[in-house]
Amino acid sequence: MPSFYRTYTSPDLCNKAHPVPHNGDKSLRIALAHRALTAQMLLSPDDIIVTHGCIEALNLALRAVTQQGDLVAVESPTFFGLLQVLDSLKLKVLEIPTSPSSGISLEALQRAADHYPMLRALVVVPNVQNPLGCVMPDGHKQALGGMVRITESSFD
């Protein structure tokens, strides 16, 4: 039997007597908080929620900042699973053109933000975007970061 198979089927990992907490394994959250320091983020393990994948993470994040009927900007084209999440949450979608070489159009995003002041969220995948597979250049990422701001009123 291959060693990786023995590792992933060991009784310690599959022990039903010790369920994983709803926000993820404590030791993993500690390791993630420590790793976040390299990105100059000061997080406690209690600030971190470990999800079962991207879709669950998107669902939780969008539920935290939106309400039914809110407008969310997405890259176009975008991952179909994201559109399904937005639909299930009864959110409106605003498509922003996306280039395989530079990522989301910052000009179109700025026009959309100016035209739709109640735009509640933006979902962008800057690294290996699905379905284009592109990586947004670092300068473009920095410019995008400069455009986006979070205010307390965003969570009212």
Protein backbone atom coordinates (compact mmCIF):
# COMPACT_ATOMS: atom_id res chain seq x y z
CA MET A 1 0.00 0.00 0.00
CA PRO A 2 1.46 3.45 -0.96
CA SER A 3 2.51 5.64 1.97
CA PHE A 4 0.24 8.53 0.95
CA TYR A 5 -2.75 6.19 1.13
CA ARG A 6 -1.80 5.07 4.63
CA THR A 7 -1.39 8.71 5.67
CA TYR A 8 -4.80 9.86 4.43
CA THR A 9 -6.66 6.88 5.81
CA SER A 10 -4.99 6.78 9.21
CA PRO A 11 -7.42 6.45 12.12
CA ASP A 12 -6.10 9.70 13.64
CA LEU A 13 -7.35 11.74 10.65
CA CYS A 14 -10.67 9.94 10.46
CA ASN A 15 -11.46 9.83 14.17
CA LYS A 16 -15.16 10.60 14.56
CA ALA A 17 -14.70 11.08 18.33
CA HIS A 18 -12.98 14.44 17.70
CA PRO A 19 -15.08 16.43 15.20
CA VAL A 20 -13.50 19.42 13.50
CA PRO A 21 -14.87 22.75 14.81
CA HIS A 22 -17.20 24.66 12.48
CA ASN A 23 -14.53 27.29 11.80
CA GLY A 24 -11.74 24.76 11.10
CA ASP A 25 -8.99 22.95 12.94
CA LYS A 26 -7.35 25.18 15.58
CA SER A 27 -3.78 24.17 14.68
CA LEU A 28 -4.42 24.96 11.02
CA ARG A 29 -5.88 28.36 11.90
CA ILE A 30 -2.81 29.09 14.08
CA ALA A 31 -0.52 28.18 11.17
CA LEU A 32 -2.55 30.38 8.78
CA ALA A 33 -2.44 33.33 11.19
CA HIS A 34 1.33 32.92 11.46
CA ARG A 35 1.68 32.76 7.66
CA ALA A 36 -0.47 35.89 7.31
CA LEU A 37 2.29 37.81 9.10
CA THR A 38 4.44 37.45 5.97
CA ALA A 39 1.77 39.47 4.14
CA GLN A 40 1.78 42.05 6.95
CA MET A 41 -1.67 40.94 8.15
CA LEU A 42 -2.17 40.73 11.89
CA LEU A 43 -4.80 38.04 12.44
CA SER A 44 -5.67 35.88 15.39
CA PRO A 45 -6.60 32.25 14.75
CA ASP A 46 -10.14 33.20 15.82
CA ASP A 47 -10.31 35.67 12.89
CA ILE A 48 -9.89 32.80 10.41
CA ILE A 49 -12.60 30.49 9.11
CA VAL A 50 -11.47 27.41 7.21
CA THR A 51 -13.98 26.46 4.52
CA HIS A 52 -14.48 23.32 2.47
CA GLY A 53 -13.56 25.12 -0.73
CA CYS A 54 -13.84 28.25 -2.82
CA ILE A 55 -17.60 28.11 -3.33
CA GLU A 56 -18.30 27.92 0.40
CA ALA A 57 -15.84 30.76 1.03
CA LEU A 58 -17.49 32.94 -1.65
CA ASN A 59 -20.93 32.13 -0.29
CA LEU A 60 -19.93 33.14 3.26
CA ALA A 61 -18.13 36.29 2.13
CA LEU A 62 -21.03 37.45 -0.03
CA ARG A 63 -23.54 36.74 2.75
CA ALA A 64 -21.44 38.90 5.07
CA VAL A 65 -21.51 42.00 2.84
CA THR A 66 -24.68 41.75 0.74
CA GLN A 67 -28.43 41.37 1.02
CA GLN A 68 -30.93 39.99 -1.49
CA GLY A 69 -31.18 42.28 -4.50
CA ASP A 70 -27.74 43.89 -4.04
CA LEU A 71 -25.48 44.44 -7.04
CA VAL A 72 -22.18 42.52 -7.31
CA ALA A 73 -19.55 43.16 -9.99
CA VAL A 74 -17.81 40.14 -11.54
CA GLU A 75 -15.24 39.53 -14.23
CA SER A 76 -16.64 38.61 -17.63
CA PRO A 77 -16.18 35.87 -18.54
CA THR A 78 -16.34 34.35 -15.08
CA PHE A 79 -16.56 30.96 -13.38
CA PHE A 80 -20.10 29.61 -13.83
CA GLY A 81 -20.14 28.36 -10.23
CA LEU A 82 -19.86 31.98 -9.07
CA LEU A 83 -22.94 32.90 -11.08
CA GLN A 84 -24.79 30.01 -9.43
CA VAL A 85 -23.81 31.29 -5.96
CA LEU A 86 -24.95 34.82 -6.84
CA ASP A 87 -28.24 33.46 -8.17
CA SER A 88 -28.83 31.34 -5.06
CA LEU A 89 -28.31 34.44 -2.89
CA LYS A 90 -30.66 36.44 -5.15
CA LEU A 91 -27.98 38.97 -5.98
CA LYS A 92 -27.81 41.02 -9.17
CA VAL A 93 -24.74 40.63 -11.39
CA LEU A 94 -22.83 43.37 -13.16
CA GLU A 95 -20.34 41.97 -15.67
CA ILE A 96 -17.06 43.84 -16.10
CA PRO A 97 -15.00 43.03 -19.24
CA THR A 98 -11.85 41.04 -18.53
CA SER A 99 -8.76 40.69 -20.70
CA PRO A 100 -6.57 37.58 -20.82
CA SER A 101 -3.50 39.84 -20.65
CA SER A 102 -4.43 42.41 -18.00
CA GLY A 103 -7.42 41.03 -16.11
CA ILE A 104 -10.50 43.01 -15.21
CA SER A 105 -10.86 46.36 -17.00
CA LEU A 106 -10.14 48.99 -14.37
CA GLU A 107 -11.64 51.68 -16.57
CA ALA A 108 -14.92 49.77 -16.94
CA LEU A 109 -14.91 48.99 -13.21
CA GLN A 110 -14.46 52.69 -12.37
CA ARG A 111 -17.29 53.66 -14.74
CA ALA A 112 -19.51 51.00 -13.13
CA ALA A 113 -18.65 52.23 -9.61
CA ASP A 114 -19.45 55.81 -10.65
CA HIS A 115 -22.73 54.80 -12.30
CA TYR A 116 -23.84 52.32 -9.61
CA PRO A 117 -22.92 53.88 -6.23
CA MET A 118 -24.65 51.03 -4.37
CA LEU A 119 -22.36 48.40 -5.86
CA ARG A 120 -21.91 46.17 -2.80
CA ALA A 121 -19.17 43.73 -3.77
CA LEU A 122 -16.58 42.86 -6.38
CA VAL A 123 -15.42 39.30 -7.06
CA VAL A 124 -12.07 39.10 -8.86
CA VAL A 125 -9.68 36.19 -9.37
CA PRO A 126 -6.32 37.84 -10.13
CA ASN A 127 -4.28 34.62 -10.27
CA VAL A 128 -5.21 31.90 -12.77
CA GLN A 129 -8.63 33.40 -13.47
CA ASN A 130 -11.31 30.89 -14.45
CA PRO A 131 -12.11 30.41 -17.34
CA LEU A 132 -9.38 32.54 -18.97
CA GLY A 133 -6.49 31.12 -16.93
CA CYS A 134 -4.76 34.51 -16.93
CA VAL A 135 -2.68 36.14 -14.21
CA MET A 136 -3.28 39.85 -13.62
CA PRO A 137 -0.01 41.83 -13.78
CA ASP A 138 1.22 43.08 -10.39
CA GLY A 139 0.83 46.74 -11.36
CA HIS A 140 -2.77 46.09 -12.32
CA LYS A 141 -3.37 44.33 -8.97
CA GLN A 142 -1.95 47.33 -7.10
CA ALA A 143 -4.12 49.72 -9.09
CA LEU A 144 -7.18 47.57 -8.36
CA GLY A 145 -6.30 47.54 -4.66
CA GLY A 146 -6.10 51.32 -4.73
CA MET A 147 -9.60 51.54 -6.20
CA VAL A 148 -11.26 49.28 -3.68
CA ARG A 149 -12.06 50.51 -0.22
CA ILE A 150 -14.00 49.04 2.65
CA THR A 151 -15.94 51.37 4.87
CA GLU A 152 -18.03 50.72 7.95
CA SER A 153 -21.08 51.79 5.98
CA SER A 154 -20.42 48.83 3.66
CA PHE A 155 -21.64 46.57 6.45
CA ASP A 156 -24.78 48.47 7.52
